[in-house]
N, C-alpha and C. Protein backbone atom coordinates (compact mmCIF):
# COMPACT_ATOMS: atom_id res chain seq x y z
N MET A 1 -30.88 40.05 -18.44
CA MET A 1 -30.93 39.88 -16.97
C MET A 1 -32.85 39.79 -16.64
N SER A 2 -32.82 39.13 -15.89
CA SER A 2 -35.08 39.80 -15.51
C SER A 2 -34.26 39.90 -13.49
N ARG A 3 -35.11 41.65 -13.70
CA ARG A 3 -35.28 41.16 -12.06
C ARG A 3 -36.61 40.52 -11.45
N SER A 4 -36.28 40.29 -10.19
CA SER A 4 -37.46 40.00 -9.79
C SER A 4 -38.79 41.04 -9.63
N PRO A 5 -39.85 40.94 -9.84
CA PRO A 5 -41.59 41.52 -9.63
C PRO A 5 -41.14 41.77 -7.78
N PHE A 6 -41.09 41.46 -7.17
CA PHE A 6 -41.19 42.59 -5.79
C PHE A 6 -40.24 43.11 -4.96
N PRO A 7 -40.13 43.79 -4.79
CA PRO A 7 -38.50 44.24 -4.39
C PRO A 7 -38.00 43.39 -2.93
N GLY A 8 -37.02 43.22 -2.60
CA GLY A 8 -36.65 42.59 -1.50
C GLY A 8 -37.05 40.67 -1.51
N SER A 9 -37.60 40.43 -2.37
CA SER A 9 -37.57 39.15 -2.96
C SER A 9 -36.43 37.94 -2.91
N GLY A 10 -35.74 38.25 -2.71
CA GLY A 10 -33.99 37.99 -2.56
C GLY A 10 -34.23 37.52 -1.04
N LEU A 11 -33.99 38.85 -0.66
CA LEU A 11 -33.72 38.48 0.68
C LEU A 11 -34.95 37.68 1.48
N ALA A 12 -36.16 38.01 1.01
CA ALA A 12 -36.88 36.35 1.79
C ALA A 12 -36.75 35.30 1.48
N LYS A 13 -35.48 34.88 0.25
CA LYS A 13 -35.80 33.94 0.10
C LYS A 13 -34.58 33.61 1.01
N GLY A 14 -33.71 34.28 0.75
CA GLY A 14 -32.76 33.75 1.61
C GLY A 14 -32.51 34.02 3.09
N LEU A 15 -33.80 34.26 3.17
CA LEU A 15 -34.47 34.24 4.39
C LEU A 15 -34.77 32.87 5.36
N ALA A 16 -36.06 32.53 4.48
CA ALA A 16 -36.73 31.45 4.07
C ALA A 16 -35.57 30.00 3.89
N VAL A 17 -33.67 30.26 3.51
CA VAL A 17 -33.39 29.35 3.16
C VAL A 17 -32.70 29.06 4.46
N THR A 18 -32.25 29.87 5.30
CA THR A 18 -31.60 30.35 6.63
C THR A 18 -32.80 29.40 7.78
N LEU A 19 -33.96 29.78 7.98
CA LEU A 19 -34.76 29.25 8.91
C LEU A 19 -35.48 27.33 8.16
N ARG A 20 -35.15 26.98 7.12
CA ARG A 20 -35.11 25.58 6.27
C ARG A 20 -33.51 25.39 7.27
N THR A 21 -32.59 25.33 7.51
CA THR A 21 -31.53 24.72 7.86
C THR A 21 -31.83 25.04 8.75
N MET A 22 -32.75 25.69 9.66
CA MET A 22 -31.96 25.81 11.86
C MET A 22 -32.76 24.88 12.08
N THR A 23 -33.45 24.68 11.61
CA THR A 23 -34.04 23.15 12.28
C THR A 23 -33.69 21.95 12.12
N ARG A 24 -32.56 21.36 11.03
CA ARG A 24 -32.02 20.46 11.29
C ARG A 24 -30.92 20.31 11.89
N LYS A 25 -30.62 18.96 11.93
CA LYS A 25 -29.51 18.78 12.75
C LYS A 25 -28.10 19.17 12.34
N ALA A 26 -26.79 19.79 12.79
CA ALA A 26 -25.72 19.96 12.29
C ALA A 26 -24.94 18.84 12.13
N GLN A 27 -23.67 19.33 10.58
CA GLN A 27 -23.78 17.87 10.64
C GLN A 27 -21.46 18.12 10.56
N THR A 28 -21.28 19.09 11.60
CA THR A 28 -20.46 18.84 11.44
C THR A 28 -19.63 18.21 12.67
N ALA A 29 -18.14 18.05 11.83
CA ALA A 29 -17.29 16.35 12.76
C ALA A 29 -16.52 17.35 13.25
N GLN A 30 -16.98 17.37 14.86
CA GLN A 30 -15.95 17.74 15.74
C GLN A 30 -14.57 16.54 15.94
N TYR A 31 -13.59 16.80 14.72
CA TYR A 31 -12.65 16.39 14.66
C TYR A 31 -11.84 16.12 15.57
N PRO A 32 -11.42 16.75 16.58
CA PRO A 32 -10.33 16.35 17.64
C PRO A 32 -10.58 15.57 18.01
N ASP A 33 -11.87 15.37 18.61
CA ASP A 33 -12.19 14.99 19.50
C ASP A 33 -12.78 13.69 19.82
N VAL A 34 -13.66 13.22 17.62
CA VAL A 34 -13.97 12.56 17.55
C VAL A 34 -13.48 11.68 16.43
N THR A 35 -12.12 11.13 16.39
CA THR A 35 -11.61 9.96 15.10
C THR A 35 -12.91 10.53 13.63
N PRO A 36 -12.86 10.73 12.80
CA PRO A 36 -14.01 10.56 11.26
C PRO A 36 -12.99 8.80 10.94
N GLU A 37 -14.38 8.41 10.63
CA GLU A 37 -14.73 6.77 10.00
C GLU A 37 -14.28 7.25 8.46
N LEU A 38 -13.38 6.63 8.63
CA LEU A 38 -12.63 7.55 6.76
C LEU A 38 -12.95 5.78 5.64
N PRO A 39 -13.07 6.21 4.63
CA PRO A 39 -13.42 4.71 3.80
C PRO A 39 -12.65 3.89 3.35
N PRO A 40 -13.12 2.68 3.19
CA PRO A 40 -11.85 1.96 3.48
C PRO A 40 -10.73 1.92 1.77
N ARG A 41 -9.25 1.41 2.21
CA ARG A 41 -8.34 2.03 1.89
C ARG A 41 -8.07 3.37 0.92
N SER A 42 -8.06 4.29 2.25
CA SER A 42 -8.31 5.63 1.57
C SER A 42 -6.80 6.24 2.08
N ARG A 43 -6.20 6.85 0.92
CA ARG A 43 -5.10 7.63 1.25
C ARG A 43 -4.76 7.97 1.95
N GLY A 44 -3.60 7.54 3.12
CA GLY A 44 -3.49 8.96 4.21
C GLY A 44 -1.41 9.31 3.79
N VAL A 45 -0.42 7.93 4.21
CA VAL A 45 0.21 8.32 3.90
C VAL A 45 1.48 7.00 2.78
N ILE A 46 2.44 7.07 3.05
CA ILE A 46 2.75 5.88 2.32
C ILE A 46 3.48 5.12 2.95
N GLY A 47 3.64 4.10 3.32
CA GLY A 47 4.40 3.25 4.11
C GLY A 47 5.36 2.65 3.47
N LEU A 48 6.53 2.36 4.03
CA LEU A 48 7.59 1.56 3.90
C LEU A 48 8.10 -0.07 4.00
N PHE A 49 7.79 -1.21 3.25
CA PHE A 49 8.04 -2.39 3.71
C PHE A 49 9.71 -2.14 3.26
N GLU A 50 10.33 -2.13 3.81
CA GLU A 50 12.05 -2.33 3.94
C GLU A 50 12.33 -3.48 3.31
N GLU A 51 12.43 -4.16 3.81
CA GLU A 51 12.72 -5.46 3.87
C GLU A 51 12.37 -6.11 2.15
N ASN A 52 11.42 -5.56 1.38
CA ASN A 52 11.21 -5.86 -0.15
C ASN A 52 11.90 -4.99 -1.25
N CYS A 53 12.14 -3.61 -0.58
CA CYS A 53 13.28 -2.99 -1.51
C CYS A 53 14.45 -3.18 -1.51
N THR A 54 14.56 -3.01 -3.06
CA THR A 54 16.11 -3.60 -4.41
C THR A 54 16.62 -2.61 -4.17
N VAL A 55 15.91 -1.88 -4.10
CA VAL A 55 16.50 -0.11 -3.98
C VAL A 55 16.68 -0.20 -6.33
N CYS A 56 15.98 -0.29 -6.56
CA CYS A 56 15.39 0.09 -8.10
C CYS A 56 15.52 1.10 -8.80
N MET A 57 14.94 2.07 -7.76
CA MET A 57 14.60 3.53 -8.34
C MET A 57 14.14 3.72 -8.96
N LEU A 58 12.87 2.90 -9.25
CA LEU A 58 12.10 2.85 -10.29
C LEU A 58 10.37 4.05 -9.08
N CYS A 59 10.61 3.88 -7.95
CA CYS A 59 9.99 5.33 -7.42
C CYS A 59 10.07 6.82 -7.60
N ALA A 60 11.01 6.46 -7.16
CA ALA A 60 12.32 8.51 -7.79
C ALA A 60 12.31 8.55 -8.78
N ARG A 61 12.32 7.35 -10.08
CA ARG A 61 12.25 8.34 -11.47
C ARG A 61 10.85 8.70 -12.06
N GLU A 62 10.18 8.15 -10.91
CA GLU A 62 8.54 8.08 -12.14
C GLU A 62 7.72 8.80 -11.13
N CYS A 63 7.98 9.22 -9.96
CA CYS A 63 7.35 10.39 -8.88
C CYS A 63 7.35 12.03 -9.64
N PRO A 64 6.38 12.31 -10.36
CA PRO A 64 6.41 13.61 -11.29
C PRO A 64 6.24 14.83 -10.03
N ASP A 65 6.52 14.33 -9.07
CA ASP A 65 7.70 15.87 -7.80
C ASP A 65 8.30 15.41 -7.70
N TRP A 66 9.57 14.48 -7.39
CA TRP A 66 10.72 14.09 -7.28
C TRP A 66 10.67 14.46 -5.88
N CYS A 67 9.79 14.13 -5.02
CA CYS A 67 9.52 13.62 -3.31
C CYS A 67 10.31 12.98 -2.89
N ILE A 68 11.14 11.73 -4.22
CA ILE A 68 11.20 10.41 -3.09
C ILE A 68 13.08 10.42 -3.19
N TYR A 69 14.01 10.02 -1.77
CA TYR A 69 15.00 10.62 -1.96
C TYR A 69 15.61 8.81 -1.61
N ILE A 70 16.22 8.60 -2.62
CA ILE A 70 17.02 6.98 -2.03
C ILE A 70 18.55 7.08 -1.99
N ASP A 71 19.18 6.73 -1.74
CA ASP A 71 20.66 6.54 -1.09
C ASP A 71 21.09 5.13 -1.11
N SER A 72 22.11 4.80 -1.62
CA SER A 72 22.66 3.12 -1.37
C SER A 72 23.98 2.87 -1.72
N HIS A 73 24.26 1.70 -1.44
CA HIS A 73 25.29 1.35 -1.92
C HIS A 73 25.36 -0.19 -2.33
N LYS A 74 26.64 -0.27 -2.94
CA LYS A 74 26.75 -1.88 -3.27
C LYS A 74 27.92 -2.55 -2.32
N GLU A 75 27.44 -3.84 -2.51
CA GLU A 75 27.27 -4.99 -1.11
C GLU A 75 28.24 -6.14 -2.27
N THR A 76 29.40 -6.66 -1.58
CA THR A 76 29.45 -7.90 -2.91
C THR A 76 29.35 -9.19 -1.59
N MET A 77 28.63 -10.15 -2.22
CA MET A 77 28.29 -10.74 -1.72
C MET A 77 28.97 -12.22 -2.38
N PRO A 78 29.74 -13.18 -1.26
CA PRO A 78 30.15 -14.20 -1.59
C PRO A 78 29.71 -15.26 -2.35
N PRO A 79 29.95 -16.56 -2.62
CA PRO A 79 29.43 -17.44 -3.70
C PRO A 79 28.68 -17.74 -2.44
N ALA A 80 27.18 -18.47 -3.68
CA ALA A 80 26.88 -19.14 -3.53
C ALA A 80 27.02 -21.04 -3.11
N ALA A 81 28.11 -21.20 -4.07
CA ALA A 81 28.34 -22.35 -4.10
C ALA A 81 30.22 -22.13 -4.06
N PRO A 82 30.92 -23.28 -4.02
CA PRO A 82 32.01 -23.51 -4.18
C PRO A 82 32.49 -23.54 -5.69
N GLY A 83 33.33 -22.39 -5.65
CA GLY A 83 33.82 -21.65 -7.91
C GLY A 83 32.90 -20.96 -7.75
N GLY A 84 31.80 -20.34 -7.51
CA GLY A 84 30.76 -19.50 -7.92
C GLY A 84 31.75 -18.29 -7.92
N ARG A 85 31.30 -16.36 -8.80
CA ARG A 85 31.57 -15.89 -8.66
C ARG A 85 31.05 -15.15 -7.32
N GLU A 86 31.52 -13.73 -7.33
CA GLU A 86 31.75 -13.04 -6.58
C GLU A 86 29.46 -12.15 -6.38
N ARG A 87 28.33 -11.26 -6.00
CA ARG A 87 27.56 -10.60 -6.81
C ARG A 87 28.25 -9.92 -6.30
N SER A 88 27.32 -8.63 -6.24
CA SER A 88 27.36 -7.87 -5.85
C SER A 88 25.92 -7.18 -5.50
N ARG A 89 25.27 -6.51 -4.66
CA ARG A 89 23.22 -5.97 -4.39
C ARG A 89 23.95 -4.47 -3.72
N ASN A 90 22.22 -4.38 -3.91
CA ASN A 90 22.20 -3.23 -3.28
C ASN A 90 21.54 -2.84 -1.93
N VAL A 91 22.72 -2.02 -1.19
CA VAL A 91 21.60 -1.68 -0.19
C VAL A 91 21.43 -0.70 0.65
N LEU A 92 19.89 -1.10 0.95
CA LEU A 92 19.61 0.90 1.06
C LEU A 92 20.12 1.60 2.26
N ASP A 93 20.25 2.49 2.29
CA ASP A 93 21.34 3.60 3.25
C ASP A 93 20.22 4.45 3.58
N ARG A 94 19.58 5.06 3.01
CA ARG A 94 18.19 6.41 2.84
C ARG A 94 17.00 5.86 2.00
N PHE A 95 16.07 6.35 2.83
CA PHE A 95 14.73 5.89 2.24
C PHE A 95 13.81 7.06 2.72
N ALA A 96 13.60 8.41 1.93
CA ALA A 96 13.23 9.64 2.48
C ALA A 96 11.87 9.47 1.59
N ILE A 97 10.83 10.52 1.91
CA ILE A 97 9.78 11.19 0.94
C ILE A 97 9.11 12.83 2.06
N ASP A 98 10.13 13.09 0.82
CA ASP A 98 8.48 13.97 1.18
C ASP A 98 7.28 15.31 0.97
N PHE A 99 6.65 14.98 2.37
CA PHE A 99 5.02 15.25 2.18
C PHE A 99 5.00 16.43 1.49
N SER A 100 5.77 17.66 2.23
CA SER A 100 5.30 18.49 1.39
C SER A 100 5.24 18.91 0.09
N LEU A 101 5.79 17.61 -0.11
CA LEU A 101 6.18 18.15 -2.08
C LEU A 101 4.58 17.62 -2.70
N CYS A 102 4.44 15.92 -1.96
CA CYS A 102 4.00 14.76 -2.34
C CYS A 102 2.30 15.55 -2.93
N MET A 103 1.98 15.49 -4.26
CA MET A 103 0.99 15.02 -4.14
C MET A 103 -0.29 13.89 -4.47
N TYR A 104 0.80 12.53 -3.54
CA TYR A 104 -0.57 11.46 -3.07
C TYR A 104 -1.01 10.48 -4.74
N CYS A 105 -0.19 10.67 -5.50
CA CYS A 105 -1.17 10.72 -6.87
C CYS A 105 -0.94 8.87 -6.81
N GLY A 106 0.28 8.61 -5.94
CA GLY A 106 -0.07 6.89 -5.52
C GLY A 106 1.03 6.02 -7.05
N ILE A 107 1.93 6.65 -8.20
CA ILE A 107 2.57 6.20 -8.73
C ILE A 107 3.49 5.79 -8.18
N CYS A 108 3.99 6.43 -7.19
CA CYS A 108 5.23 5.54 -6.54
C CYS A 108 4.74 3.84 -6.23
N VAL A 109 3.80 3.71 -5.39
CA VAL A 109 2.98 3.00 -5.56
C VAL A 109 2.75 1.40 -6.11
N GLU A 110 2.62 1.88 -7.18
CA GLU A 110 1.72 1.44 -8.46
C GLU A 110 3.10 0.68 -9.13
N VAL A 111 4.13 1.44 -9.74
CA VAL A 111 5.59 1.33 -10.71
C VAL A 111 6.40 0.19 -9.18
N CYS A 112 6.53 0.19 -7.86
CA CYS A 112 7.18 -0.45 -7.47
C CYS A 112 7.07 -2.54 -7.76
N PRO A 113 7.51 -2.59 -8.82
CA PRO A 113 7.38 -4.38 -8.62
C PRO A 113 8.49 -5.32 -7.75
N PHE A 114 8.20 -5.22 -6.31
CA PHE A 114 8.43 -5.71 -5.12
C PHE A 114 7.68 -5.29 -4.20
N ASP A 115 6.73 -4.60 -4.51
CA ASP A 115 5.39 -4.46 -3.39
C ASP A 115 6.21 -4.25 -2.08
N ALA A 116 6.74 -2.97 -1.84
CA ALA A 116 8.20 -2.37 -1.24
C ALA A 116 7.46 -1.04 -0.75
N LEU A 117 6.49 -0.73 -1.18
CA LEU A 117 5.36 0.53 -1.00
C LEU A 117 4.26 0.46 -0.84
N PHE A 118 3.63 1.28 0.16
CA PHE A 118 1.92 0.48 0.27
C PHE A 118 1.16 2.12 0.61
N TRP A 119 -0.24 2.38 0.61
CA TRP A 119 -0.87 3.38 1.65
C TRP A 119 -1.36 2.71 2.77
N SER A 120 -1.62 3.36 3.21
CA SER A 120 -1.28 3.60 4.78
C SER A 120 -2.70 4.50 5.18
N PRO A 121 -3.85 4.02 5.69
CA PRO A 121 -4.83 4.90 6.03
C PRO A 121 -4.23 6.41 7.05
N GLU A 122 -3.27 6.53 7.47
CA GLU A 122 -2.67 7.54 8.75
C GLU A 122 -3.13 9.07 8.40
N PHE A 123 -3.63 9.70 8.76
CA PHE A 123 -3.50 11.39 7.77
C PHE A 123 -3.24 12.20 9.30
N GLU A 124 -2.81 11.97 10.55
CA GLU A 124 -2.31 12.78 11.67
C GLU A 124 -1.17 12.91 11.26
N TYR A 125 -0.52 13.72 10.52
CA TYR A 125 1.32 13.53 10.49
C TYR A 125 2.00 15.24 10.04
N ALA A 126 0.58 16.29 10.56
CA ALA A 126 1.11 17.53 10.53
C ALA A 126 2.29 17.69 11.68
N GLU A 127 2.99 18.90 11.04
CA GLU A 127 4.57 19.81 11.83
C GLU A 127 3.96 20.69 11.85
N THR A 128 4.74 21.31 12.72
CA THR A 128 4.71 23.09 13.10
C THR A 128 6.00 23.42 11.44
N ASP A 129 7.22 22.99 11.21
CA ASP A 129 8.07 23.54 10.60
C ASP A 129 7.62 22.84 8.80
N ILE A 130 7.69 23.53 7.68
CA ILE A 130 7.57 22.15 6.59
C ILE A 130 9.06 21.32 6.60
N ARG A 131 9.71 21.74 6.68
CA ARG A 131 11.42 20.88 6.77
C ARG A 131 11.08 19.73 7.45
N ASP A 132 9.83 19.53 8.54
CA ASP A 132 10.09 18.18 9.03
C ASP A 132 8.89 17.28 8.34
N LEU A 133 8.34 18.41 7.25
CA LEU A 133 7.66 17.16 6.55
C LEU A 133 8.25 15.35 5.85
N THR A 134 9.60 15.92 5.73
CA THR A 134 10.39 15.06 5.15
C THR A 134 10.44 13.96 6.18
N HIS A 135 9.95 12.33 5.69
CA HIS A 135 9.71 11.60 6.77
C HIS A 135 10.31 10.50 5.85
N GLU A 136 11.70 10.41 6.86
CA GLU A 136 12.45 8.64 7.08
C GLU A 136 12.18 7.48 7.14
N ARG A 137 13.03 6.59 6.38
CA ARG A 137 12.32 5.44 6.32
C ARG A 137 11.71 4.80 7.59
N ASP A 138 12.48 4.45 9.27
CA ASP A 138 11.99 4.39 10.68
C ASP A 138 10.41 5.15 10.63
N LYS A 139 10.29 6.49 10.14
CA LYS A 139 8.84 6.61 10.33
C LYS A 139 7.86 5.90 9.05
N LEU A 140 7.89 5.76 8.10
CA LEU A 140 8.36 5.41 7.02
C LEU A 140 7.14 3.96 7.48
N ARG A 141 8.13 3.07 7.54
CA ARG A 141 8.07 1.75 8.45
C ARG A 141 6.69 1.53 9.27
N GLU A 142 7.44 2.31 10.57
CA GLU A 142 6.32 2.54 11.27
C GLU A 142 5.27 2.69 10.54
N TRP A 143 4.90 3.16 9.90
CA TRP A 143 2.87 3.37 9.16
C TRP A 143 2.63 1.98 8.28
N MET A 144 3.82 1.45 7.88
CA MET A 144 3.33 0.55 7.82
C MET A 144 2.26 -0.81 8.60
N TRP A 145 2.31 -1.01 9.76
CA TRP A 145 2.00 -0.93 10.89
C TRP A 145 0.02 -0.83 10.36
N THR A 146 -0.25 0.24 9.94
CA THR A 146 -1.10 1.02 9.68
C THR A 146 -1.36 0.29 8.94
N VAL A 147 -1.24 -0.32 7.67
CA VAL A 147 -1.54 -0.46 5.98
C VAL A 147 -2.66 -1.84 6.62
N PRO A 148 -3.90 -1.35 6.02
CA PRO A 148 -4.64 -2.67 6.49
C PRO A 148 -4.87 -3.72 5.87
N ALA A 149 -5.47 -4.63 5.69
CA ALA A 149 -5.42 -6.08 4.81
C ALA A 149 -5.55 -5.66 3.82
N PRO A 150 -5.30 -6.50 2.61
CA PRO A 150 -6.29 -6.13 0.76
C PRO A 150 -7.14 -7.12 1.18
N PRO A 151 -8.35 -6.57 0.41
CA PRO A 151 -9.55 -6.79 -0.01
C PRO A 151 -9.88 -7.97 0.04
N ALA A 152 -11.03 -9.23 0.34
CA ALA A 152 -10.66 -9.85 0.27
C ALA A 152 -11.21 -10.21 -1.41
N LEU A 153 -10.58 -11.73 -1.52
CA LEU A 153 -11.30 -12.03 -3.97
C LEU A 153 -12.68 -11.86 -3.78
N ASP A 154 -13.27 -11.75 -4.72
CA ASP A 154 -14.81 -12.30 -4.81
C ASP A 154 -15.12 -13.67 -5.14
N PRO A 155 -16.32 -14.14 -4.14
CA PRO A 155 -15.92 -16.01 -4.44
C PRO A 155 -16.73 -16.64 -5.05
N GLY A 156 -17.04 -15.20 -6.28
CA GLY A 156 -18.13 -15.70 -7.70
C GLY A 156 -16.90 -15.84 -8.85
N ALA A 157 -15.30 -15.20 -8.12
CA ALA A 157 -14.05 -14.80 -9.23
C ALA A 157 -13.89 -16.33 -9.57
N GLU A 158 -12.93 -16.37 -10.20
CA GLU A 158 -12.53 -17.85 -11.06
C GLU A 158 -11.21 -17.51 -10.14
N GLU A 159 -10.29 -19.12 -10.23
CA GLU A 159 -8.95 -19.09 -9.17
C GLU A 159 -7.56 -18.20 -10.07
N PRO A 160 -7.40 -17.34 -9.88
CA PRO A 160 -6.43 -17.25 -10.83
C PRO A 160 -4.99 -18.07 -11.00
N LYS A 161 -4.66 -17.63 -12.66
CA LYS A 161 -3.59 -18.96 -12.75
C LYS A 161 -2.42 -19.27 -12.34
N GLU A 162 -1.66 -18.51 -11.30
CA GLU A 162 -0.54 -18.66 -10.49
C GLU A 162 -1.01 -19.80 -9.98
N ILE A 163 -2.47 -19.68 -8.69
CA ILE A 163 -2.48 -20.53 -7.64
C ILE A 163 -3.01 -21.70 -8.33
N ALA A 164 -3.96 -21.89 -9.13
CA ALA A 164 -4.00 -22.92 -10.31
C ALA A 164 -3.06 -24.29 -10.46
N ALA A 165 -2.55 -23.11 -11.49
CA ALA A 165 -0.67 -24.28 -12.31
C ALA A 165 0.14 -24.64 -10.64
N ALA A 166 -0.49 -23.55 -8.65
CA ALA A 166 0.42 -24.79 -8.46
C ALA A 166 0.32 -25.36 -7.51
N ARG A 167 -1.95 -25.01 -7.48
CA ARG A 167 -1.72 -26.60 -6.91
C ARG A 167 -2.63 -27.76 -7.79
N LYS A 168 -1.56 -27.41 -9.63
CA LYS A 168 -1.74 -28.80 -9.63
C LYS A 168 -0.44 -29.25 -9.91
N THR A 169 1.11 -28.81 -9.70
CA THR A 169 2.29 -29.11 -9.43
C THR A 169 1.89 -30.48 -8.46
N ALA A 170 1.17 -29.44 -7.28
CA ALA A 170 1.42 -29.90 -5.81
C ALA A 170 0.81 -31.27 -5.92
N GLU A 171 -0.68 -31.06 -6.42
CA GLU A 171 -1.62 -32.73 -6.61
C GLU A 171 -0.59 -33.32 -7.25
N LYS A 172 0.27 -33.68 -8.24
CA LYS A 172 0.79 -34.27 -9.09
C LYS A 172 2.45 -34.90 -7.96
N LEU A 173 2.48 -33.85 -7.53
CA LEU A 173 3.70 -34.21 -6.23
C LEU A 173 3.42 -35.48 -5.26
N ALA A 174 2.31 -34.91 -4.77
CA ALA A 174 1.58 -35.73 -3.75
C ALA A 174 0.82 -37.01 -4.25
N ALA A 175 0.81 -36.92 -5.12
CA ALA A 175 0.56 -38.14 -6.06
C ALA A 175 1.29 -39.16 -6.44
N ALA A 176 2.72 -38.68 -6.78
CA ALA A 176 3.34 -39.67 -7.04
C ALA A 176 4.17 -39.64 -5.47
N ALA A 177 4.54 -38.65 -4.83
CA ALA A 177 4.84 -39.55 -3.30
C ALA A 177 3.57 -40.63 -3.56
N GLU A 178 2.84 -40.76 -3.28
CA GLU A 178 1.67 -41.94 -1.87
C GLU A 178 2.01 -42.72 -3.33
N THR A 179 2.05 -42.76 -4.56
CA THR A 179 2.64 -44.23 -5.83
C THR A 179 3.89 -44.60 -5.72
N GLY A 180 4.91 -43.69 -4.87
CA GLY A 180 6.39 -44.22 -3.93
C GLY A 180 5.97 -45.16 -2.87
N ALA A 181 4.82 -44.57 -1.85
CA ALA A 181 5.18 -44.86 -0.91
C ALA A 181 4.48 -46.51 -0.66
N ALA A 182 3.34 -46.25 -1.98
CA ALA A 182 3.03 -47.80 -2.30
C ALA A 182 3.72 -49.25 -2.58
N GLY A 183 4.75 -47.78 -3.43
CA GLY A 183 5.45 -49.87 -4.02
C GLY A 183 6.31 -49.45 -2.72
N ASP A 184 6.62 -49.03 -2.13
CA ASP A 184 7.82 -49.19 -0.98
C ASP A 184 7.20 -50.00 -0.04
N ARG A 185 5.80 -49.91 0.40
CA ARG A 185 4.98 -50.66 1.02
C ARG A 185 4.68 -52.35 0.57
N ARG A 186 4.63 -52.28 -1.01
CA ARG A 186 4.55 -53.22 -1.15
C ARG A 186 5.68 -54.70 -1.40
N ALA A 187 7.03 -53.62 -1.66
CA ALA A 187 7.81 -54.70 -1.83
C ALA A 187 8.56 -54.67 -0.75
N GLY A 188 8.22 -53.75 0.74
CA GLY A 188 8.31 -54.71 2.17
C GLY A 188 7.67 -55.93 2.37
N GLU A 189 6.57 -56.27 1.84
CA GLU A 189 6.07 -56.90 2.23
C GLU A 189 5.82 -57.84 1.55
N GLY A 190 7.17 -57.83 0.46
CA GLY A 190 7.05 -59.55 -0.25
C GLY A 190 8.79 -59.93 -0.23
N ASP A 191 9.69 -58.87 1.02
CA ASP A 191 10.60 -59.49 1.45
C ASP A 191 10.33 -60.15 2.55
N ALA A 192 8.44 -59.51 3.52
CA ALA A 192 8.89 -60.61 4.70
C ALA A 192 7.90 -61.18 4.05
């Protein structure tokens, strides 16, 4: 360990830093009065799009903190066609996330196969009691309105295979409909 040649030089260096920073503008964010500019797609809370939830339980099983609580029951659906068999489906009774346990890893959002969970940039959900940080599906549904639209596709990117296949099918159907309509017109002209 080397000692400085002058006694008190450390104090002088500290005062120099203080004097240098005293003349700069303060970077303090006045949070409650001024809302911060959040980066796009920032992680705040998880919003639930309840219509897409099939109660597959993947989010609850994959959650490393076990902070997602799901309850459901089965309902029997009548057959879609006469002579068909009845089907059963899961109906969501409870969907809750305990944000006092959540570590905001996003695994639940990633594993959801039906896009029922989304990141919301909402971050002001503080409570005075930790037990109130378990938010039920009503509150999670409210946060869906704060979820930003997905980013636009890169204009230079190639078209996704699914869209290209759908476009080709639509063009074939349109061409077949045109051919059929032209044939009907010719047949109508021949009868007249």
